[in-house]
Amino acid sequence: MTDRYAVLGNPIGHSKSPRIHALFAQQTGQDISYEAILAPTDGFVAALRAFAGSEGGPARGANVTVPFKEEAFRLATRRTPRAEAAGAVNTLSFAADGMIGDNTDGAGLIRDLKHNLGCDPAGRRILLLGAGGAARGVILPLLQENPAELVIANRTEETAARLALEFGRLPGCAIAVKPDGSGFANLAGRSFDLVINATSIGLGGAVLPLPASVFAPRCVAYEMVYGRDTSFLKQAREAGARVADGLGMLVEQAAEAFFVWRGVRPHTAPVLAALKGN
């Protein structure tokens, strides 16, 4: 019987995940179905259980998007190290003895940077903007790439410093550099080779208080949001940076989830091209 998967979120109507996974399945010959489920903000667990118990084939797993990633983290009976580090789960695998929680966001970012954009984080000076869930999910994968420097900047400096301290203490991780936390005001005079915006600032038109100097020559500026020309992208473009949005990260994190579920890694380039061509 066809194995069933889904993505749960609120809102969910904009989700590209069903199309992405349908293209993955077609490419790899996997017999799966994948649907988008709108879960009430106070009814994530009930919606997940209803999906798992519905007819039409065995439910094998689910993706989780905002605002339920932290709730999925608490619900998982087992969690991968990268999910533990992120404090959030975006990929659930249903097993006989419970649910395994994983987080593929960081892996998706790294693969997009390295394989689609030709931007290897190794040896680069990296600035990560934001200290919320989106930032938290990519810190460990970035550190594991051995950058020359990783600075976490946030409007509230104490939050960034606390996050840097937490990840700097992670045991058993081969990290060549410890993260540094600061406020935006402390970025004056500093330059970076890769600047990643993990904040929601700019979605409403607000401008991040970034000095133009943060964008070093040949800098790559990466916006985790996709499908919008945000104020961050405009800032970076005006400063001469090469810009990219998060569409590639979306496809690559989905490919990582597909690999977790099916043991097959799909080719992402044709899927990314299909999405860009609408």
C-alpha atoms as a PDB file:
ATOM      1  CA  MET A   1       0.000   0.000   0.000  1.00  0.00           C
ATOM      2  CA  THR A   2       1.044   3.594  -0.559  1.00  0.00           C
ATOM      3  CA  ASP A   3       2.992   5.064   2.353  1.00  0.00           C
ATOM      4  CA  ARG A   4       1.496   8.337   3.559  1.00  0.00           C
ATOM      5  CA  TYR A   5       3.274  11.512   4.676  1.00  0.00           C
ATOM      6  CA  ALA A   6       2.103  15.026   5.438  1.00  0.00           C
ATOM      7  CA  VAL A   7       3.175  18.473   6.529  1.00  0.00           C
ATOM      8  CA  LEU A   8       1.313  20.130   9.407  1.00  0.00           C
ATOM      9  CA  GLY A   9       1.333  23.856  10.074  1.00  0.00           C
ATOM     10  CA  ASN A  10      -0.745  26.987  10.473  1.00  0.00           C
ATOM     11  CA  PRO A  11      -0.956  28.604   7.968  1.00  0.00           C
ATOM     12  CA  ILE A  12      -0.266  25.859   5.440  1.00  0.00           C
ATOM     13  CA  GLY A  13      -1.992  26.812   2.178  1.00  0.00           C
ATOM     14  CA  HIS A  14       1.209  28.343   0.776  1.00  0.00           C
ATOM     15  CA  SER A  15       3.272  25.196   1.384  1.00  0.00           C
ATOM     16  CA  LYS A  16       5.328  23.898  -1.541  1.00  0.00           C
ATOM     17  CA  SER A  17       6.124  20.641   0.295  1.00  0.00           C
ATOM     18  CA  PRO A  18       3.442  18.459  -1.378  1.00  0.00           C
ATOM     19  CA  ARG A  19       4.730  19.410  -4.829  1.00  0.00           C
ATOM     20  CA  ILE A  20       8.368  18.967  -3.787  1.00  0.00           C
ATOM     21  CA  HIS A  21       7.812  15.490  -2.364  1.00  0.00           C
ATOM     22  CA  ALA A  22       5.650  14.469  -5.318  1.00  0.00           C
ATOM     23  CA  LEU A  23       8.541  15.386  -7.620  1.00  0.00           C
ATOM     24  CA  PHE A  24      10.985  13.500  -5.382  1.00  0.00           C
ATOM     25  CA  ALA A  25       8.758  10.406  -5.422  1.00  0.00           C
ATOM     26  CA  GLN A  26       8.359  10.534  -9.197  1.00  0.00           C
ATOM     27  CA  GLN A  27      12.103  10.893  -9.669  1.00  0.00           C
ATOM     28  CA  THR A  28      13.046   8.027  -7.316  1.00  0.00           C
ATOM     29  CA  GLY A  29      10.147   5.659  -8.001  1.00  0.00           C
ATOM     30  CA  GLN A  30       8.915   5.739  -4.416  1.00  0.00           C
ATOM     31  CA  ASP A  31       5.249   4.883  -3.777  1.00  0.00           C
ATOM     32  CA  ILE A  32       4.165   7.650  -1.404  1.00  0.00           C
ATOM     33  CA  SER A  33       1.468  10.249  -0.956  1.00  0.00           C
ATOM     34  CA  TYR A  34       2.042  13.604   0.719  1.00  0.00           C
ATOM     35  CA  GLU A  35      -0.560  16.114   1.860  1.00  0.00           C
ATOM     36  CA  ALA A  36      -0.709  19.471   3.614  1.00  0.00           C
ATOM     37  CA  ILE A  37      -2.756  19.611   6.816  1.00  0.00           C
ATOM     38  CA  LEU A  38      -3.935  22.801   8.487  1.00  0.00           C
ATOM     39  CA  ALA A  39      -3.737  22.133  12.224  1.00  0.00           C
ATOM     40  CA  PRO A  40      -5.527  24.407  14.708  1.00  0.00           C
ATOM     41  CA  THR A  41      -3.073  26.445  16.747  1.00  0.00           C
ATOM     42  CA  ASP A  42      -4.245  24.587  19.850  1.00  0.00           C
ATOM     43  CA  GLY A  43      -4.776  21.229  18.137  1.00  0.00           C
ATOM     44  CA  PHE A  44      -1.480  20.035  16.679  1.00  0.00           C
ATOM     45  CA  VAL A  45      -1.371  16.710  18.549  1.00  0.00           C
ATOM     46  CA  ALA A  46      -4.972  15.880  17.674  1.00  0.00           C
ATOM     47  CA  ALA A  47      -4.371  16.704  13.990  1.00  0.00           C
ATOM     48  CA  LEU A  48      -1.236  14.566  13.916  1.00  0.00           C
ATOM     49  CA  ARG A  49      -3.010  11.622  15.518  1.00  0.00           C
ATOM     50  CA  ALA A  50      -5.944  11.978  13.123  1.00  0.00           C
ATOM     51  CA  PHE A  51      -3.524  11.835  10.192  1.00  0.00           C
ATOM     52  CA  ALA A  52      -1.700   8.824  11.613  1.00  0.00           C
ATOM     53  CA  GLY A  53      -4.959   6.975  12.204  1.00  0.00           C
ATOM     54  CA  SER A  54      -6.699   7.802   8.935  1.00  0.00           C
ATOM     55  CA  GLU A  55      -7.210   5.235   6.176  1.00  0.00           C
ATOM     56  CA  GLY A  56      -5.584   4.941   2.783  1.00  0.00           C
ATOM     57  CA  GLY A  57      -2.257   3.355   3.646  1.00  0.00           C
ATOM     58  CA  PRO A  58       0.255   3.360   6.496  1.00  0.00           C
ATOM     59  CA  ALA A  59       1.308   6.755   7.857  1.00  0.00           C
ATOM     60  CA  ARG A  60       5.109   6.758   7.975  1.00  0.00           C
ATOM     61  CA  GLY A  61       6.010  10.279   8.957  1.00  0.00           C
ATOM     62  CA  ALA A  62       5.286  13.987   8.909  1.00  0.00           C
ATOM     63  CA  ASN A  63       6.969  17.315   8.446  1.00  0.00           C
ATOM     64  CA  VAL A  64       6.190  20.070  10.924  1.00  0.00           C
ATOM     65  CA  THR A  65       6.330  23.784  10.228  1.00  0.00           C
ATOM     66  CA  VAL A  66       5.450  26.946  12.160  1.00  0.00           C
ATOM     67  CA  PRO A  67       4.193  27.244  14.794  1.00  0.00           C
ATOM     68  CA  PHE A  68       4.493  23.603  15.893  1.00  0.00           C
ATOM     69  CA  LYS A  69       8.211  22.721  15.748  1.00  0.00           C
ATOM     70  CA  GLU A  70       8.761  23.134  19.494  1.00  0.00           C
ATOM     71  CA  GLU A  71       5.604  21.153  20.271  1.00  0.00           C
ATOM     72  CA  ALA A  72       6.794  18.376  17.965  1.00  0.00           C
ATOM     73  CA  PHE A  73      10.111  18.419  19.834  1.00  0.00           C
ATOM     74  CA  ARG A  74       8.313  17.767  23.116  1.00  0.00           C
ATOM     75  CA  LEU A  75       6.084  15.119  21.542  1.00  0.00           C
ATOM     76  CA  ALA A  76       8.905  13.027  20.041  1.00  0.00           C
ATOM     77  CA  THR A  77       9.802   9.948  22.082  1.00  0.00           C
ATOM     78  CA  ARG A  78      13.339   9.958  20.642  1.00  0.00           C
ATOM     79  CA  ARG A  79      15.304  12.811  19.091  1.00  0.00           C
ATOM     80  CA  THR A  80      18.395  13.006  16.905  1.00  0.00           C
ATOM     81  CA  PRO A  81      21.400  15.036  18.112  1.00  0.00           C
ATOM     82  CA  ARG A  82      20.685  17.779  15.587  1.00  0.00           C
ATOM     83  CA  ALA A  83      17.096  18.031  16.813  1.00  0.00           C
ATOM     84  CA  GLU A  84      18.335  18.226  20.397  1.00  0.00           C
ATOM     85  CA  ALA A  85      20.727  21.023  19.468  1.00  0.00           C
ATOM     86  CA  ALA A  86      18.022  22.930  17.574  1.00  0.00           C
ATOM     87  CA  GLY A  87      15.433  22.517  20.314  1.00  0.00           C
ATOM     88  CA  ALA A  88      12.877  21.943  17.563  1.00  0.00           C
ATOM     89  CA  VAL A  89      11.657  19.147  15.286  1.00  0.00           C
ATOM     90  CA  ASN A  90      10.567  19.550  11.668  1.00  0.00           C
ATOM     91  CA  THR A  91      10.631  15.860  10.673  1.00  0.00           C
ATOM     92  CA  LEU A  92       8.831  13.031  12.486  1.00  0.00           C
ATOM     93  CA  SER A  93       9.257   9.347  11.659  1.00  0.00           C
ATOM     94  CA  PHE A  94       6.597   6.971  12.974  1.00  0.00           C
ATOM     95  CA  ALA A  95       8.045   3.817  14.503  1.00  0.00           C
ATOM     96  CA  ALA A  96       6.458   0.900  16.341  1.00  0.00           C
ATOM     97  CA  ASP A  97       7.812   2.193  19.646  1.00  0.00           C
ATOM     98  CA  GLY A  98       7.016   5.868  19.171  1.00  0.00           C
ATOM     99  CA  MET A  99       8.016   8.912  17.126  1.00  0.00           C
ATOM    100  CA  ILE A 100      11.556   9.868  16.171  1.00  0.00           C
ATOM    101  CA  GLY A 101      12.117  13.613  15.944  1.00  0.00           C
ATOM    102  CA  ASP A 102      14.700  15.126  13.616  1.00  0.00           C
ATOM    103  CA  ASN A 103      15.585  18.584  12.335  1.00  0.00           C
ATOM    104  CA  THR A 104      16.688  18.891   8.717  1.00  0.00           C
ATOM    105  CA  ASP A 105      16.748  22.696   8.465  1.00  0.00           C
ATOM    106  CA  GLY A 106      20.462  23.083   9.143  1.00  0.00           C
ATOM    107  CA  ALA A 107      21.384  20.311   6.734  1.00  0.00           C
ATOM    108  CA  GLY A 108      19.205  21.987   4.113  1.00  0.00           C
ATOM    109  CA  LEU A 109      20.980  25.315   4.560  1.00  0.00           C
ATOM    110  CA  ILE A 110      24.442  23.761   4.323  1.00  0.00           C
ATOM    111  CA  ARG A 111      23.605  21.769   1.191  1.00  0.00           C
ATOM    112  CA  ASP A 112      22.089  24.828  -0.481  1.00  0.00           C
ATOM    113  CA  LEU A 113      25.142  26.921   0.320  1.00  0.00           C
ATOM    114  CA  LYS A 114      27.673  24.322  -0.807  1.00  0.00           C
ATOM    115  CA  HIS A 115      25.992  22.537  -3.703  1.00  0.00           C
ATOM    116  CA  ASN A 116      23.679  25.163  -5.209  1.00  0.00           C
ATOM    117  CA  LEU A 117      25.456  28.429  -4.450  1.00  0.00           C
ATOM    118  CA  GLY A 118      29.096  27.318  -4.387  1.00  0.00           C
ATOM    119  CA  CYS A 119      29.559  28.948  -0.975  1.00  0.00           C
ATOM    120  CA  ASP A 120      31.481  26.593   1.310  1.00  0.00           C
ATOM    121  CA  PRO A 121      31.222  27.836   4.929  1.00  0.00           C
ATOM    122  CA  ALA A 122      34.638  26.348   5.773  1.00  0.00           C
ATOM    123  CA  GLY A 123      37.120  29.087   6.623  1.00  0.00           C
ATOM    124  CA  ARG A 124      34.585  31.875   6.144  1.00  0.00           C
ATOM    125  CA  ARG A 125      33.676  34.662   8.531  1.00  0.00           C
ATOM    126  CA  ILE A 126      29.960  34.121   9.132  1.00  0.00           C
ATOM    127  CA  LEU A 127      27.400  36.520  10.594  1.00  0.00           C
ATOM    128  CA  LEU A 128      24.097  34.971  11.684  1.00  0.00           C
ATOM    129  CA  LEU A 129      21.344  37.512  12.285  1.00  0.00           C
ATOM    130  CA  GLY A 130      18.767  36.514  14.890  1.00  0.00           C
ATOM    131  CA  ALA A 131      18.674  34.310  17.963  1.00  0.00           C
ATOM    132  CA  GLY A 132      15.271  32.645  17.638  1.00  0.00           C
ATOM    133  CA  GLY A 133      14.242  29.201  16.452  1.00  0.00           C
ATOM    134  CA  ALA A 134      15.347  29.689  12.843  1.00  0.00           C
ATOM    135  CA  ALA A 135      18.838  30.711  13.941  1.00  0.00           C
ATOM    136  CA  ARG A 136      19.072  28.012  16.565  1.00  0.00           C
ATOM    137  CA  GLY A 137      18.366  25.293  14.011  1.00  0.00           C
ATOM    138  CA  VAL A 138      21.410  26.142  11.873  1.00  0.00           C
ATOM    139  CA  ILE A 139      24.119  27.033  14.414  1.00  0.00           C
ATOM    140  CA  LEU A 140      25.436  23.521  14.990  1.00  0.00           C
ATOM    141  CA  PRO A 141      25.558  22.593  11.263  1.00  0.00           C
ATOM    142  CA  LEU A 142      27.390  25.859  10.539  1.00  0.00           C
ATOM    143  CA  LEU A 143      29.915  25.225  13.311  1.00  0.00           C
ATOM    144  CA  GLN A 144      30.520  21.704  12.057  1.00  0.00           C
ATOM    145  CA  GLU A 145      31.666  23.184   8.733  1.00  0.00           C
ATOM    146  CA  ASN A 146      34.623  24.804  10.559  1.00  0.00           C
ATOM    147  CA  PRO A 147      34.174  28.469   9.669  1.00  0.00           C
ATOM    148  CA  ALA A 148      36.874  30.983  10.589  1.00  0.00           C
ATOM    149  CA  GLU A 149      34.338  32.833  12.736  1.00  0.00           C
ATOM    150  CA  LEU A 150      30.667  32.653  13.654  1.00  0.00           C
ATOM    151  CA  VAL A 151      29.044  35.737  15.135  1.00  0.00           C
ATOM    152  CA  ILE A 152      25.406  35.679  16.266  1.00  0.00           C
ATOM    153  CA  ALA A 153      23.881  39.163  16.287  1.00  0.00           C
ATOM    154  CA  ASN A 154      20.486  40.032  17.711  1.00  0.00           C
ATOM    155  CA  ARG A 155      18.547  43.119  18.739  1.00  0.00           C
ATOM    156  CA  THR A 156      18.813  41.878  22.322  1.00  0.00           C
ATOM    157  CA  GLU A 157      22.516  41.282  22.862  1.00  0.00           C
ATOM    158  CA  GLU A 158      21.953  39.174  25.988  1.00  0.00           C
ATOM    159  CA  THR A 159      19.923  36.639  23.981  1.00  0.00           C
ATOM    160  CA  ALA A 160      22.649  36.309  21.348  1.00  0.00           C
ATOM    161  CA  ALA A 161      25.350  35.982  24.016  1.00  0.00           C
ATOM    162  CA  ARG A 162      23.371  33.307  25.849  1.00  0.00           C
ATOM    163  CA  LEU A 163      22.900  31.319  22.642  1.00  0.00           C
ATOM    164  CA  ALA A 164      26.594  31.584  21.781  1.00  0.00           C
ATOM    165  CA  LEU A 165      27.527  30.405  25.261  1.00  0.00           C
ATOM    166  CA  GLU A 166      25.161  27.448  25.047  1.00  0.00           C
ATOM    167  CA  PHE A 167      26.511  26.217  21.709  1.00  0.00           C
ATOM    168  CA  GLY A 168      30.086  26.914  22.737  1.00  0.00           C
ATOM    169  CA  ARG A 169      29.660  24.384  25.533  1.00  0.00           C
ATOM    170  CA  LEU A 170      28.245  21.556  23.415  1.00  0.00           C
ATOM    171  CA  PRO A 171      30.097  18.337  24.340  1.00  0.00           C
ATOM    172  CA  GLY A 172      31.524  15.857  21.871  1.00  0.00           C
ATOM    173  CA  CYS A 173      31.324  18.120  18.829  1.00  0.00           C
ATOM    174  CA  ALA A 174      34.345  18.713  16.610  1.00  0.00           C
ATOM    175  CA  ILE A 175      34.118  22.484  16.399  1.00  0.00           C
ATOM    176  CA  ALA A 176      37.138  24.555  15.443  1.00  0.00           C
ATOM    177  CA  VAL A 177      35.579  27.880  16.407  1.00  0.00           C
ATOM    178  CA  LYS A 178      33.290  28.929  19.242  1.00  0.00           C
ATOM    179  CA  PRO A 179      30.308  31.147  18.424  1.00  0.00           C
ATOM    180  CA  ASP A 180      30.310  34.756  19.556  1.00  0.00           C
ATOM    181  CA  GLY A 181      27.160  36.688  20.473  1.00  0.00           C
ATOM    182  CA  SER A 182      26.629  40.415  20.116  1.00  0.00           C
ATOM    183  CA  GLY A 183      24.106  43.142  19.423  1.00  0.00           C
ATOM    184  CA  PHE A 184      23.732  44.891  16.081  1.00  0.00           C
ATOM    185  CA  ALA A 185      25.515  47.998  17.431  1.00  0.00           C
ATOM    186  CA  ASN A 186      28.695  45.963  17.972  1.00  0.00           C
ATOM    187  CA  LEU A 187      28.996  45.094  14.275  1.00  0.00           C
ATOM    188  CA  ALA A 188      30.442  48.462  13.263  1.00  0.00           C
ATOM    189  CA  GLY A 189      33.787  48.004  11.580  1.00  0.00           C
ATOM    190  CA  ARG A 190      33.426  44.226  11.223  1.00  0.00           C
ATOM    191  CA  SER A 191      33.208  42.396   7.889  1.00  0.00           C
ATOM    192  CA  PHE A 192      31.895  38.948   6.961  1.00  0.00           C
ATOM    193  CA  ASP A 193      32.070  36.618   3.982  1.00  0.00           C
ATOM    194  CA  LEU A 194      28.639  35.099   4.601  1.00  0.00           C
ATOM    195  CA  VAL A 195      25.709  36.935   6.224  1.00  0.00           C
ATOM    196  CA  ILE A 196      22.588  34.884   6.996  1.00  0.00           C
ATOM    197  CA  ASN A 197      19.318  36.521   7.988  1.00  0.00           C
ATOM    198  CA  ALA A 198      17.354  34.263  10.334  1.00  0.00           C
ATOM    199  CA  THR A 199      15.139  37.068  11.673  1.00  0.00           C
ATOM    200  CA  SER A 200      11.583  37.959  10.706  1.00  0.00           C
ATOM    201  CA  ILE A 201      12.566  41.634  10.592  1.00  0.00           C
ATOM    202  CA  GLY A 202      11.997  42.950   7.129  1.00  0.00           C
ATOM    203  CA  LEU A 203       8.899  40.952   6.274  1.00  0.00           C
ATOM    204  CA  GLY A 204       6.905  44.050   7.104  1.00  0.00           C
ATOM    205  CA  GLY A 205       9.364  46.412   5.449  1.00  0.00           C
ATOM    206  CA  ALA A 206      11.495  47.234   8.507  1.00  0.00           C
ATOM    207  CA  VAL A 207      15.221  47.592   7.895  1.00  0.00           C
ATOM    208  CA  LEU A 208      17.836  45.812   9.971  1.00  0.00           C
ATOM    209  CA  PRO A 209      20.276  48.264  11.610  1.00  0.00           C
ATOM    210  CA  LEU A 210      23.313  46.843   9.813  1.00  0.00           C
ATOM    211  CA  PRO A 211      26.375  48.885   8.866  1.00  0.00           C
ATOM    212  CA  ALA A 212      27.265  48.410   5.196  1.00  0.00           C
ATOM    213  CA  SER A 213      30.702  47.253   6.307  1.00  0.00           C
ATOM    214  CA  VAL A 214      29.371  43.846   7.406  1.00  0.00           C
ATOM    215  CA  PHE A 215      29.175  42.832   3.731  1.00  0.00           C
ATOM    216  CA  ALA A 216      32.787  42.103   2.791  1.00  0.00           C
ATOM    217  CA  PRO A 217      33.852  42.109  -0.881  1.00  0.00           C
ATOM    218  CA  ARG A 218      32.397  39.002  -2.603  1.00  0.00           C
ATOM    219  CA  CYS A 219      30.129  38.446   0.406  1.00  0.00           C
ATOM    220  CA  VAL A 220      27.159  36.089   0.068  1.00  0.00           C
ATOM    221  CA  ALA A 221      23.999  37.402   1.758  1.00  0.00           C
ATOM    222  CA  TYR A 222      21.453  34.681   2.477  1.00  0.00           C
ATOM    223  CA  GLU A 223      17.803  35.319   3.367  1.00  0.00           C
ATOM    224  CA  MET A 224      16.054  32.316   4.927  1.00  0.00           C
ATOM    225  CA  VAL A 225      12.678  33.600   3.738  1.00  0.00           C
ATOM    226  CA  TYR A 226      11.873  32.705   0.145  1.00  0.00           C
ATOM    227  CA  GLY A 227       9.682  34.298  -2.491  1.00  0.00           C
ATOM    228  CA  ARG A 228      10.093  37.886  -1.266  1.00  0.00           C
ATOM    229  CA  ASP A 229      12.556  40.630  -2.015  1.00  0.00           C
ATOM    230  CA  THR A 230      13.011  41.543   1.642  1.00  0.00           C
ATOM    231  CA  SER A 231      14.638  44.680   2.995  1.00  0.00           C
ATOM    232  CA  PHE A 232      17.654  42.543   3.982  1.00  0.00           C
ATOM    233  CA  LEU A 233      18.148  41.438   0.374  1.00  0.00           C
ATOM    234  CA  LYS A 234      17.861  45.051  -0.789  1.00  0.00           C
ATOM    235  CA  GLN A 235      20.413  46.178   1.834  1.00  0.00           C
ATOM    236  CA  ALA A 236      22.846  43.472   0.798  1.00  0.00           C
ATOM    237  CA  ARG A 237      22.396  44.116  -2.909  1.00  0.00           C
ATOM    238  CA  GLU A 238      23.056  47.828  -2.455  1.00  0.00           C
ATOM    239  CA  ALA A 239      26.243  46.944  -0.540  1.00  0.00           C
ATOM    240  CA  GLY A 240      27.451  44.861  -3.479  1.00  0.00           C
ATOM    241  CA  ALA A 241      26.817  41.426  -1.967  1.00  0.00           C
ATOM    242  CA  ARG A 242      25.698  38.374  -3.908  1.00  0.00           C
ATOM    243  CA  VAL A 243      22.197  37.558  -2.656  1.00  0.00           C
ATOM    244  CA  ALA A 244      20.123  34.397  -2.343  1.00  0.00           C
ATOM    245  CA  ASP A 245      16.799  33.558  -0.728  1.00  0.00           C
ATOM    246  CA  GLY A 246      15.734  30.414   1.132  1.00  0.00           C
ATOM    247  CA  LEU A 247      14.057  28.492  -1.685  1.00  0.00           C
ATOM    248  CA  GLY A 248      17.075  26.230  -2.059  1.00  0.00           C
ATOM    249  CA  MET A 249      17.106  25.593   1.677  1.00  0.00           C
ATOM    250  CA  LEU A 250      13.430  24.614   1.501  1.00  0.00           C
ATOM    251  CA  VAL A 251      14.120  22.047  -1.221  1.00  0.00           C
ATOM    252  CA  GLU A 252      17.290  20.722   0.402  1.00  0.00           C
ATOM    253  CA  GLN A 253      15.744  20.275   3.857  1.00  0.00           C
ATOM    254  CA  ALA A 254      12.871  18.417   2.170  1.00  0.00           C
ATOM    255  CA  ALA A 255      15.382  16.175   0.389  1.00  0.00           C
ATOM    256  CA  GLU A 256      17.038  15.442   3.721  1.00  0.00           C
ATOM    257  CA  ALA A 257      13.657  14.506   5.229  1.00  0.00           C
ATOM    258  CA  PHE A 258      12.932  12.305   2.195  1.00  0.00           C
ATOM    259  CA  PHE A 259      16.278  10.570   2.758  1.00  0.00           C
ATOM    260  CA  VAL A 260      15.498  10.073   6.463  1.00  0.00           C
ATOM    261  CA  TRP A 261      12.164   8.459   5.573  1.00  0.00           C
ATOM    262  CA  ARG A 262      13.000   6.518   2.412  1.00  0.00           C
ATOM    263  CA  GLY A 263      16.761   5.945   2.497  1.00  0.00           C
ATOM    264  CA  VAL A 264      17.061   7.501  -0.968  1.00  0.00           C
ATOM    265  CA  ARG A 265      18.482  10.956  -1.657  1.00  0.00           C
ATOM    266  CA  PRO A 266      16.718  12.661  -4.569  1.00  0.00           C
ATOM    267  CA  HIS A 267      18.409  15.046  -6.980  1.00  0.00           C
ATOM    268  CA  THR A 268      17.363  18.547  -5.967  1.00  0.00           C
ATOM    269  CA  ALA A 269      18.526  20.578  -8.977  1.00  0.00           C
ATOM    270  CA  PRO A 270      15.604  19.643 -11.274  1.00  0.00           C
ATOM    271  CA  VAL A 271      13.095  20.196  -8.462  1.00  0.00           C
ATOM    272  CA  LEU A 272      14.558  23.596  -7.641  1.00  0.00           C
ATOM    273  CA  ALA A 273      14.453  24.499 -11.327  1.00  0.00           C
ATOM    274  CA  ALA A 274      10.805  23.410 -11.549  1.00  0.00           C
ATOM    275  CA  LEU A 275       9.865  25.605  -8.583  1.00  0.00           C
ATOM    276  CA  LYS A 276      11.690  28.606  -9.971  1.00  0.00           C
ATOM    277  CA  GLY A 277       9.889  28.100 -13.270  1.00  0.00           C
ATOM    278  CA  ASN A 278       6.568  27.815 -11.391  1.00  0.00           C
END
